Amino acid sequence: MSLRVVSAGMSSIFIMRPHRMILLSGLHIMDENLHFDMCKLPTSHLANDDIADLNNRIEKAIPEHLMYVCHFWGYHIQHVDLEKAIDEKLKNVLYSKLLYWFEVMGLTKNVGRALETLSGVITRRQAGNDEAFDEFLLDGIRFLSAYGQILTKSTPHLSLSALPSMPSNTPIPMQFSHLLPNTLCVKMGGLKGWPALRTTIENISVAFSPDGKHIALGPDDGMVGVWDVFSKQQVGEALEVHSSRVTSVAFSLDGKHIASGYGDQMVRVWDAFSGQQVGEALVGHLDVVTSVAFSPDGKHIASGSDDRTVCVWDTFSGQQVGEALEVHSSWVTSVAFSPDGKHIASGYGHGTVCVWDTFSGQQVGEALEGHSDVVTSVAFSPDGKHIASGSDDKMVRVWDAFSGQQVGEALEGHSSWVTSVAFSPDEKHITSGSDDRTVCVWDAFSNMSLRTGGWVRGKRGELLFWIPPWMRHGLYDSRTHLIVGRLQKFRLDFSRFVHGGDWQQCYG
């Protein structure tokens, strides 16, 4: 005897039912089993990787069925109708268990999957049904973008460092802070709302608009999603054009357009408000597009590719401007416009940086040579006089944009490859992100690290607490007794701060 499905509608029902049952059961399992300090971590002073029996703790505390639902409930929710029962259960679980789910994802080094899951939930939900919950989900995305490295570096600092330093008037601290009374407290200078952020976490490209009002997410599943932060509504539908992965996303300086690079060799431009594609795809590369950048006036887009070329495009006509810029026998990893838009810097796989005249297409001077491995990121200083480059050789170098000479010694301190570099607005500092899961802030011209990835350490190198980038400006090293920013003062109250072997007492 055989069962024959005779209609597409019935087929969809048969397919969706198992997903619905698994999703509801999984949310129930999360609700029943997730809790504070899942793995009873012995101290907040150690990085996760330095806890000798961490894997045993994870296996003991997080059984296979719980591990599965924590990692894959986002997959099942993509295959069901978000009926009221599912939506209400989802709210109940995330409103009470979100931080403990983050714990699991951090301990298992799957923050990128958590970010993709939340973005997928926002895409599936009907915007405007529950604005408070929409904003809560968006806050989860912002949290993971800003603090993802904390979750994987030292999970206790989700509670001790991340939550206390979040902007106070945002949904997550308003929901959970009362549960964690014994942490540090920002007494003066705390932010009320999120600063602009841009990052990439585990192959998820994230860009925040210059005014901080919109978020663009480009997972490697080929979708680009855009959300209005203040209206709590998705801007149009998820921008899905094919199954090719998104490799890079960038907002124009006025925030009106988004450029996205893809694994299918194309660049696409989107209207950030309507979600509609602007014109046809920009076709010209012969291999994966690795990096995209808007010119300051928004009229041009530069794209780098594994085909070893840099292309410049007219944003609105979609036409390529001049010939592709090619001088190397190596792939392009990163592109950046100078502040006046007249020059483009490009980083290459064999360790060099080139500067180009945007409009003539001619290379300006000789290639900047000094790195011994792939150049992963390039950035101009705000005055256009200097270029910073990060590399797989674990170093950051600063160059004179006109003479091509290296300025000072290489900035050395990361323990793994450098993935991103950026200048501060006052041009005095350079921030570098690394695969070692740290962010370092350097004096651009004195070769002094201001902070080892934001961590304040004790005399024996133990992790005391972590400072987010927007609170670090002007901080020099962990020996300072008063933590003060040059542009904005921050006062931290440690009177109730517990750490080390007593860290679990932060939970009230």
Protein backbone atom coordinates (compact mmCIF):
# COMPACT_ATOMS: atom_id res chain seq x y z
CA MET A 1 0.00 0.00 0.00
CA SER A 2 1.39 3.41 -0.90
CA LEU A 3 0.47 6.99 -0.07
CA ARG A 4 0.23 9.32 -3.04
CA VAL A 5 0.27 13.08 -2.51
CA VAL A 6 -1.94 14.55 -5.21
CA SER A 7 -1.56 18.30 -4.69
CA ALA A 8 1.23 20.78 -4.03
CA GLY A 9 -0.74 22.19 -1.12
CA MET A 10 -1.08 18.82 0.59
CA SER A 11 2.58 18.13 -0.10
CA SER A 12 3.52 21.35 1.68
CA ILE A 13 1.39 20.34 4.66
CA PHE A 14 3.09 16.92 4.92
CA ILE A 15 6.50 18.59 4.69
CA MET A 16 5.71 21.29 7.25
CA ARG A 17 4.19 19.09 9.92
CA PRO A 18 7.48 17.41 11.02
CA HIS A 19 9.19 20.82 11.13
CA ARG A 20 6.35 22.22 13.25
CA MET A 21 6.53 19.34 15.73
CA ILE A 22 10.33 19.50 15.96
CA LEU A 23 10.27 23.28 16.38
CA LEU A 24 7.64 23.28 19.14
CA SER A 25 9.36 20.39 20.93
CA GLY A 26 12.72 22.10 20.53
CA LEU A 27 11.47 25.39 21.96
CA HIS A 28 10.02 23.45 24.90
CA ILE A 29 13.37 21.72 25.45
CA MET A 30 15.17 25.07 25.42
CA ASP A 31 12.62 26.54 27.80
CA GLU A 32 13.01 23.65 30.24
CA ASN A 33 16.78 23.22 30.11
CA LEU A 34 18.55 26.52 29.39
CA HIS A 35 19.75 28.36 32.47
CA PHE A 36 22.49 30.64 33.78
CA ASP A 37 26.05 29.20 33.71
CA MET A 38 25.12 26.06 31.80
CA CYS A 39 28.54 24.44 32.20
CA LYS A 40 29.43 25.65 35.70
CA LEU A 41 32.57 27.40 34.48
CA PRO A 42 35.10 27.54 37.31
CA THR A 43 36.33 31.12 36.86
CA SER A 44 35.85 34.28 34.83
CA HIS A 45 39.61 34.84 34.75
CA LEU A 46 40.31 32.26 32.05
CA ALA A 47 39.55 32.17 28.36
CA ASN A 48 37.28 29.31 27.32
CA ASP A 49 40.16 27.66 25.47
CA ASP A 50 42.23 27.66 28.68
CA ILE A 51 39.69 25.66 30.70
CA ALA A 52 41.20 22.19 30.56
CA ASP A 53 38.00 20.17 30.92
CA LEU A 54 35.69 22.47 28.95
CA ASN A 55 34.69 19.82 26.41
CA ASN A 56 33.74 17.42 29.19
CA ARG A 57 31.71 20.13 30.87
CA ILE A 58 29.88 20.86 27.62
CA GLU A 59 29.12 17.19 26.98
CA LYS A 60 27.83 16.75 30.52
CA ALA A 61 25.74 19.92 30.73
CA ILE A 62 24.39 20.12 27.18
CA PRO A 63 22.96 16.76 26.04
CA GLU A 64 22.71 15.98 22.35
CA HIS A 65 19.00 16.81 22.02
CA LEU A 66 19.51 20.24 23.61
CA MET A 67 22.59 20.86 21.51
CA TYR A 68 20.62 20.04 18.37
CA VAL A 69 17.73 22.38 19.04
CA CYS A 70 20.03 25.24 20.10
CA HIS A 71 21.84 25.00 16.78
CA PHE A 72 19.00 24.14 14.43
CA TRP A 73 15.72 25.62 15.66
CA GLY A 74 16.38 28.46 13.23
CA TYR A 75 16.41 25.95 10.37
CA HIS A 76 13.06 24.45 11.32
CA ILE A 77 11.39 27.83 11.76
CA GLN A 78 12.11 28.55 8.10
CA HIS A 79 9.83 25.65 7.11
CA VAL A 80 6.68 26.41 9.10
CA ASP A 81 3.90 28.95 9.11
CA LEU A 82 4.43 31.29 12.05
CA GLU A 83 1.02 30.68 13.57
CA LYS A 84 0.08 32.31 16.86
CA ALA A 85 1.00 29.27 18.98
CA ILE A 86 4.54 29.14 17.56
CA ASP A 87 5.03 32.90 17.76
CA GLU A 88 3.90 33.03 21.38
CA LYS A 89 6.11 30.10 22.35
CA LEU A 90 9.06 31.75 20.60
CA LYS A 91 8.50 34.98 22.53
CA ASN A 92 8.24 33.17 25.85
CA VAL A 93 11.48 31.29 25.28
CA LEU A 94 13.59 34.17 23.95
CA TYR A 95 12.32 36.71 26.47
CA SER A 96 13.46 34.44 29.29
CA LYS A 97 16.28 32.33 27.81
CA LEU A 98 18.02 34.43 25.14
CA LEU A 99 21.21 35.04 27.14
CA TYR A 100 21.49 31.36 28.10
CA TRP A 101 21.08 30.36 24.45
CA PHE A 102 23.86 32.83 23.65
CA GLU A 103 25.96 31.04 26.30
CA VAL A 104 25.60 27.73 24.47
CA MET A 105 26.38 29.28 21.09
CA GLY A 106 29.45 31.02 22.49
CA LEU A 107 30.78 27.92 24.25
CA THR A 108 30.42 25.91 21.04
CA LYS A 109 31.81 28.74 18.87
CA ASN A 110 28.66 29.09 16.82
CA VAL A 111 27.92 32.80 17.26
CA GLY A 112 27.60 33.16 13.50
CA ARG A 113 24.79 30.60 13.45
CA ALA A 114 23.01 32.48 16.25
CA LEU A 115 23.25 35.70 14.25
CA GLU A 116 21.92 33.98 11.16
CA THR A 117 19.09 32.41 13.18
CA LEU A 118 17.89 35.75 14.57
CA SER A 119 18.06 37.41 11.16
CA GLY A 120 16.06 34.51 9.74
CA VAL A 121 13.38 34.88 12.43
CA ILE A 122 13.01 38.57 11.63
CA THR A 123 12.67 37.73 7.96
CA ARG A 124 9.94 35.16 8.68
CA ARG A 125 7.89 37.25 11.10
CA GLN A 126 5.33 39.69 9.73
CA ALA A 127 6.70 43.14 10.50
CA GLY A 128 4.61 45.23 12.87
CA ASN A 129 2.72 42.39 14.59
CA ASP A 130 4.66 43.00 17.79
CA GLU A 131 7.00 45.96 17.58
CA ALA A 132 8.52 45.32 21.01
CA PHE A 133 9.53 41.78 20.06
CA ASP A 134 10.83 42.94 16.67
CA GLU A 135 13.08 45.43 18.47
CA PHE A 136 14.15 42.72 20.93
CA LEU A 137 15.27 40.51 18.03
CA LEU A 138 17.12 43.41 16.40
CA ASP A 139 18.84 44.08 19.71
CA GLY A 140 19.99 40.46 19.72
CA ILE A 141 21.60 41.02 16.32
CA ARG A 142 23.29 44.20 17.53
CA PHE A 143 24.44 42.38 20.68
CA LEU A 144 26.04 39.54 18.71
CA SER A 145 27.65 42.01 16.31
CA ALA A 146 29.21 43.98 19.15
CA TYR A 147 29.94 41.24 21.67
CA GLY A 148 30.25 38.04 19.63
CA GLN A 149 33.95 37.79 20.41
CA ILE A 150 33.19 37.92 24.15
CA LEU A 151 30.94 34.88 23.94
CA THR A 152 33.63 32.75 22.32
CA LYS A 153 36.59 34.22 24.23
CA SER A 154 35.29 33.94 27.80
CA THR A 155 31.61 33.17 28.21
CA PRO A 156 31.27 34.43 31.82
CA HIS A 157 31.90 37.92 30.47
CA LEU A 158 28.57 37.85 28.67
CA SER A 159 27.23 38.60 32.17
CA LEU A 160 30.19 40.43 33.71
CA SER A 161 31.25 42.70 30.83
CA ALA A 162 28.87 42.64 27.87
CA LEU A 163 25.46 43.14 29.47
CA PRO A 164 26.58 45.89 31.90
CA SER A 165 28.25 47.93 29.12
CA MET A 166 25.34 47.73 26.66
CA PRO A 167 23.39 50.93 25.91
CA SER A 168 21.01 51.06 28.86
CA ASN A 169 17.79 51.94 27.07
CA THR A 170 17.84 48.96 24.72
CA PRO A 171 15.65 45.84 25.08
CA ILE A 172 18.17 43.21 26.23
CA PRO A 173 19.55 45.04 29.29
CA MET A 174 16.03 46.21 30.15
CA GLN A 175 14.91 42.57 30.08
CA PHE A 176 17.82 40.91 31.89
CA SER A 177 19.91 43.41 33.90
CA HIS A 178 17.83 42.98 37.04
CA LEU A 179 18.88 39.32 37.11
CA LEU A 180 22.57 40.24 37.30
CA PRO A 181 22.99 42.85 40.06
CA ASN A 182 26.57 42.02 41.06
CA THR A 183 28.48 43.21 38.02
CA LEU A 184 30.30 46.39 37.13
CA CYS A 185 28.05 49.38 36.58
CA VAL A 186 28.52 52.31 34.20
CA LYS A 187 27.86 55.27 36.48
CA MET A 188 28.70 58.03 34.03
CA GLY A 189 28.94 58.21 30.25
CA GLY A 190 26.90 55.12 29.38
CA LEU A 191 25.27 55.17 25.98
CA LYS A 192 21.50 55.36 25.61
CA GLY A 193 21.48 53.89 22.11
CA TRP A 194 23.77 51.83 19.92
CA PRO A 195 26.70 53.43 18.05
CA ALA A 196 27.22 52.60 14.37
CA LEU A 197 28.79 49.16 14.01
CA ARG A 198 30.16 47.13 11.14
CA THR A 199 31.61 43.68 11.43
CA THR A 200 31.77 40.21 10.00
CA ILE A 201 31.11 37.21 12.24
CA GLU A 202 31.71 33.70 10.96
CA ASN A 203 30.95 34.51 7.30
CA ILE A 204 28.00 36.81 8.15
CA SER A 205 28.62 40.25 6.62
CA VAL A 206 27.07 42.97 8.78
CA ALA A 207 26.87 46.67 7.95
CA PHE A 208 25.21 49.41 9.96
CA SER A 209 24.17 52.53 8.08
CA PRO A 210 26.13 55.73 8.79
CA ASP A 211 23.22 57.19 10.78
CA GLY A 212 22.73 53.95 12.69
CA LYS A 213 19.11 53.63 11.55
CA HIS A 214 19.44 50.54 9.37
CA ILE A 215 21.18 47.17 9.50
CA ALA A 216 22.18 45.13 6.47
CA LEU A 217 22.99 41.45 6.94
CA GLY A 218 24.59 39.25 4.31
CA PRO A 219 24.79 35.59 5.36
CA ASP A 220 26.48 33.13 3.05
CA ASP A 221 23.08 31.79 1.88
CA GLY A 222 22.70 34.50 -0.77
CA MET A 223 20.27 36.77 1.11
CA VAL A 224 20.70 40.39 2.15
CA GLY A 225 18.24 41.61 4.79
CA VAL A 226 17.68 45.24 5.77
CA TRP A 227 15.87 46.48 8.88
CA ASP A 228 14.87 49.92 10.09
CA VAL A 229 16.13 50.06 13.65
CA PHE A 230 13.75 52.73 14.92
CA SER A 231 10.50 51.66 13.26
CA LYS A 232 11.35 48.03 14.10
CA GLN A 233 10.23 46.99 10.63
CA GLN A 234 12.01 45.12 7.92
CA VAL A 235 12.64 47.33 4.92
CA GLY A 236 11.03 45.34 2.13
CA GLU A 237 11.55 41.64 1.72
CA ALA A 238 14.84 39.84 2.24
CA LEU A 239 16.93 40.54 -0.84
CA GLU A 240 17.37 37.05 -2.23
CA VAL A 241 18.48 36.75 -5.82
CA HIS A 242 20.04 33.31 -6.00
CA SER A 243 21.80 30.71 -3.93
CA SER A 244 25.23 32.30 -4.21
CA ARG A 245 26.80 33.45 -0.98
CA VAL A 246 27.09 37.10 -0.01
CA THR A 247 30.75 38.03 0.44
CA SER A 248 30.60 41.73 1.30
CA VAL A 249 28.03 44.44 2.04
CA ALA A 250 28.46 48.23 2.27
CA PHE A 251 26.20 51.22 2.80
CA SER A 252 26.60 54.40 0.80
CA LEU A 253 27.64 57.38 2.94
CA ASP A 254 24.13 58.86 2.77
CA GLY A 255 22.63 55.53 3.80
CA LYS A 256 20.32 55.37 0.78
CA HIS A 257 21.91 52.44 -1.04
CA ILE A 258 23.53 49.11 -0.24
CA ALA A 259 26.10 47.36 -2.40
CA SER A 260 26.61 43.63 -2.06
CA GLY A 261 29.22 41.36 -3.57
CA TYR A 262 28.51 37.73 -4.37
CA GLY A 263 30.20 34.44 -5.03
CA ASP A 264 28.67 34.38 -8.51
CA GLN A 265 31.06 37.15 -9.66
CA MET A 266 28.44 39.91 -9.55
CA VAL A 267 27.79 43.12 -7.61
CA ARG A 268 24.27 44.29 -6.88
CA VAL A 269 22.97 47.65 -5.67
CA TRP A 270 19.84 47.94 -3.55
CA ASP A 271 17.61 50.79 -2.46
CA ALA A 272 18.01 50.70 1.32
CA PHE A 273 14.47 51.91 1.93
CA SER A 274 12.37 50.06 -0.64
CA GLY A 275 14.54 46.94 -0.76
CA GLN A 276 14.37 47.00 -4.54
CA GLN A 277 17.39 46.21 -6.66
CA VAL A 278 18.69 49.30 -8.45
CA GLY A 279 19.24 48.42 -12.10
CA GLU A 280 20.82 45.23 -13.29
CA ALA A 281 23.58 43.31 -11.59
CA LEU A 282 27.05 44.70 -12.25
CA VAL A 283 28.68 42.08 -14.44
CA GLY A 284 32.34 42.09 -15.30
CA HIS A 285 34.31 40.03 -12.82
CA LEU A 286 35.36 36.51 -13.69
CA ASP A 287 35.58 35.13 -10.16
CA VAL A 288 34.20 35.67 -6.64
CA VAL A 289 33.72 39.32 -5.63
CA THR A 290 35.58 39.71 -2.35
CA SER A 291 35.03 43.35 -1.38
CA VAL A 292 32.81 46.33 -2.22
CA ALA A 293 33.00 50.00 -1.27
CA PHE A 294 31.09 53.17 -2.12
CA SER A 295 32.84 56.41 -3.05
CA PRO A 296 32.18 59.23 -0.54
CA ASP A 297 29.68 60.92 -2.90
CA GLY A 298 27.92 57.62 -3.55
CA LYS A 299 28.29 57.92 -7.31
CA HIS A 300 30.74 55.09 -7.76
CA ILE A 301 31.34 51.60 -6.39
CA ALA A 302 34.68 49.80 -6.30
CA SER A 303 34.77 46.02 -6.24
CA GLY A 304 37.66 43.64 -5.78
CA SER A 305 37.65 40.04 -6.89
CA ASP A 306 39.49 36.76 -6.88
CA ASP A 307 39.94 37.37 -10.62
CA ARG A 308 42.81 39.73 -9.61
CA THR A 309 41.06 42.92 -10.73
CA VAL A 310 39.45 46.00 -9.23
CA CYS A 311 36.45 47.38 -11.11
CA VAL A 312 34.89 50.83 -10.72
CA TRP A 313 31.18 51.18 -11.48
CA ASP A 314 28.74 54.03 -11.97
CA THR A 315 26.27 53.42 -9.15
CA PHE A 316 23.20 54.54 -11.08
CA SER A 317 23.88 53.52 -14.68
CA GLY A 318 25.55 50.26 -13.69
CA GLN A 319 28.23 50.82 -16.30
CA GLN A 320 31.84 49.99 -15.64
CA VAL A 321 34.04 53.10 -15.51
CA GLY A 322 37.13 52.50 -17.61
CA GLU A 323 39.05 49.26 -17.73
CA ALA A 324 39.48 46.88 -14.83
CA LEU A 325 42.46 47.79 -12.67
CA GLU A 326 44.91 44.92 -12.91
CA VAL A 327 48.58 44.83 -12.21
CA HIS A 328 49.06 41.80 -10.01
CA SER A 329 49.21 38.06 -10.34
CA SER A 330 47.21 37.69 -7.13
CA TRP A 331 43.61 38.02 -5.98
CA VAL A 332 42.16 41.24 -4.57
CA THR A 333 41.08 41.01 -0.93
CA SER A 334 39.97 44.51 0.01
CA VAL A 335 39.16 47.89 -1.56
CA ALA A 336 38.71 51.36 -0.07
CA PHE A 337 38.11 54.86 -1.44
CA SER A 338 40.06 57.88 -0.25
CA PRO A 339 37.93 60.54 1.52
CA ASP A 340 37.93 62.74 -1.61
CA GLY A 341 37.06 59.80 -3.84
CA LYS A 342 40.02 60.40 -6.13
CA HIS A 343 41.97 57.30 -5.17
CA ILE A 344 41.32 53.64 -4.41
CA ALA A 345 43.51 51.42 -2.26
CA SER A 346 43.45 47.69 -2.87
CA GLY A 347 44.98 44.84 -0.90
CA TYR A 348 46.24 41.64 -2.51
CA GLY A 349 46.74 38.00 -1.73
CA HIS A 350 50.50 38.12 -2.10
CA GLY A 351 50.96 40.79 0.56
CA THR A 352 51.02 44.14 -1.26
CA VAL A 353 48.83 47.24 -1.40
CA CYS A 354 48.27 49.35 -4.51
CA VAL A 355 46.86 52.85 -4.89
CA TRP A 356 44.94 53.80 -8.03
CA ASP A 357 43.66 56.98 -9.61
CA THR A 358 39.89 56.42 -9.60
CA PHE A 359 39.21 58.11 -12.92
CA SER A 360 42.32 57.52 -15.04
CA GLY A 361 42.72 53.94 -13.83
CA GLN A 362 46.47 54.44 -13.48
CA GLN A 363 48.43 53.04 -10.59
CA VAL A 364 49.81 55.77 -8.32
CA GLY A 365 53.44 55.03 -7.53
CA GLU A 366 54.84 51.61 -6.73
CA ALA A 367 53.09 48.85 -4.84
CA LEU A 368 53.37 49.14 -1.04
CA GLU A 369 55.47 46.18 0.02
CA GLY A 370 56.19 45.00 3.53
CA HIS A 371 53.68 42.35 4.53
CA SER A 372 54.78 38.73 4.30
CA ASP A 373 51.31 37.25 3.81
CA VAL A 374 47.85 38.08 2.42
CA VAL A 375 46.68 41.66 2.93
CA THR A 376 43.16 41.25 4.29
CA SER A 377 42.00 44.85 4.80
CA VAL A 378 42.90 48.40 3.77
CA ALA A 379 41.62 51.78 4.99
CA PHE A 380 42.38 55.44 4.34
CA SER A 381 42.82 57.93 7.18
CA PRO A 382 40.11 60.64 7.29
CA ASP A 383 42.51 63.22 5.80
CA GLY A 384 43.54 60.81 3.03
CA LYS A 385 47.23 61.10 3.84
CA HIS A 386 47.77 57.62 5.23
CA ILE A 387 46.68 54.06 4.52
CA ALA A 388 46.46 51.27 7.08
CA SER A 389 46.69 47.63 6.05
CA GLY A 390 46.10 44.41 7.98
CA SER A 391 47.49 41.05 6.99
CA ASP A 392 47.58 37.34 7.62
CA ASP A 393 51.11 37.97 8.87
CA LYS A 394 49.38 39.18 12.10
CA MET A 395 50.60 42.76 11.62
CA VAL A 396 49.17 46.19 10.87
CA ARG A 397 51.20 48.62 8.80
CA VAL A 398 50.73 52.34 8.16
CA TRP A 399 51.76 53.91 4.85
CA ASP A 400 52.20 57.42 3.51
CA ALA A 401 49.54 57.52 0.79
CA PHE A 402 51.60 59.83 -1.45
CA SER A 403 55.19 58.60 -1.09
CA GLY A 404 54.30 54.94 -0.53
CA GLN A 405 56.73 54.75 2.37
CA GLN A 406 55.91 52.82 5.53
CA VAL A 407 55.33 55.06 8.54
CA GLY A 408 57.09 53.70 11.62
CA GLU A 409 57.34 50.04 12.54
CA ALA A 410 54.67 47.43 11.93
CA LEU A 411 52.08 47.23 14.71
CA GLU A 412 52.59 43.78 16.16
CA GLY A 413 50.48 42.22 18.89
CA HIS A 414 47.82 39.95 17.41
CA SER A 415 48.33 36.20 17.75
CA SER A 416 46.49 35.38 14.52
CA TRP A 417 45.79 37.01 11.18
CA VAL A 418 44.38 40.53 11.09
CA THR A 419 40.97 40.64 9.40
CA SER A 420 39.98 44.32 9.47
CA VAL A 421 41.49 47.77 10.03
CA ALA A 422 39.99 51.25 10.46
CA PHE A 423 41.14 54.75 11.47
CA SER A 424 39.46 56.73 14.23
CA PRO A 425 37.80 60.00 13.11
CA ASP A 426 40.60 62.07 14.71
CA GLU A 427 43.20 60.03 12.77
CA LYS A 428 45.22 59.35 15.91
CA HIS A 429 44.26 55.72 16.36
CA ILE A 430 43.85 52.57 14.34
CA THR A 431 41.54 49.72 15.31
CA SER A 432 42.35 46.22 14.12
CA GLY A 433 40.25 43.08 14.37
CA SER A 434 41.80 39.64 14.28
CA ASP A 435 41.02 35.96 14.02
CA ASP A 436 42.47 35.73 17.54
CA ARG A 437 39.05 37.16 18.55
CA THR A 438 40.47 40.43 19.79
CA VAL A 439 40.23 44.04 18.72
CA CYS A 440 43.31 46.20 19.32
CA VAL A 441 43.41 49.98 19.38
CA TRP A 442 46.76 51.48 18.40
CA ASP A 443 48.29 54.90 18.43
CA ALA A 444 48.62 55.32 14.67
CA PHE A 445 52.09 56.80 14.78
CA SER A 446 53.80 55.65 17.99
CA ASN A 447 53.47 51.85 17.79
CA MET A 448 51.74 51.62 21.18
CA SER A 449 48.81 49.28 21.79
CA LEU A 450 46.13 51.05 23.80
CA ARG A 451 44.33 47.92 24.84
CA THR A 452 44.83 44.22 24.18
CA GLY A 453 41.55 43.53 22.49
CA GLY A 454 39.66 45.58 25.08
CA TRP A 455 40.56 43.25 27.95
CA VAL A 456 41.64 44.64 31.30
CA ARG A 457 43.85 42.06 32.96
CA GLY A 458 45.16 41.47 36.45
CA LYS A 459 48.81 41.21 37.47
CA ARG A 460 48.97 37.56 36.43
CA GLY A 461 47.25 38.17 33.11
CA GLU A 462 43.82 37.04 34.29
CA LEU A 463 40.78 38.40 32.47
CA LEU A 464 39.07 40.95 34.72
CA PHE A 465 36.62 42.63 32.38
CA TRP A 466 36.21 43.72 28.77
CA ILE A 467 35.64 47.24 27.46
CA PRO A 468 33.65 47.72 24.22
CA PRO A 469 35.23 49.85 21.49
CA TRP A 470 33.02 52.89 22.10
CA MET A 471 34.33 53.17 25.69
CA ARG A 472 38.04 52.73 24.92
CA HIS A 473 38.99 56.03 23.32
CA GLY A 474 41.98 57.43 25.17
CA LEU A 475 42.61 54.36 27.34
CA TYR A 476 46.23 53.27 27.42
CA ASP A 477 46.76 50.02 29.29
CA SER A 478 45.41 47.87 32.07
CA ARG A 479 47.58 49.67 34.65
CA THR A 480 45.54 52.88 34.51
CA HIS A 481 43.68 53.47 37.76
CA LEU A 482 41.03 55.75 36.23
CA ILE A 483 39.28 54.75 33.03
CA VAL A 484 38.45 57.92 31.13
CA GLY A 485 37.73 58.55 27.46
CA ARG A 486 39.11 61.69 25.83
CA LEU A 487 35.91 62.61 24.04
CA GLN A 488 33.45 61.20 26.55
CA LYS A 489 34.10 60.34 30.16
CA PHE A 490 33.07 56.99 31.56
CA ARG A 491 32.94 56.16 35.25
CA LEU A 492 32.72 52.50 36.22
CA ASP A 493 31.48 51.39 39.63
CA PHE A 494 33.07 48.15 40.87
CA SER A 495 31.53 48.14 44.34
CA ARG A 496 29.39 45.06 43.58
CA PHE A 497 31.60 43.50 40.93
CA VAL A 498 32.34 39.81 41.48
CA HIS A 499 34.82 37.88 39.36
CA GLY A 500 37.21 34.93 39.32
CA GLY A 501 35.98 31.90 41.21
CA ASP A 502 33.06 33.89 42.65
CA TRP A 503 31.77 35.10 39.31
CA GLN A 504 28.52 33.07 39.49
CA GLN A 505 27.44 35.32 42.35
CA CYS A 506 26.75 38.05 39.81
CA TYR A 507 23.43 36.27 39.24
CA GLY A 508 20.85 37.44 41.72
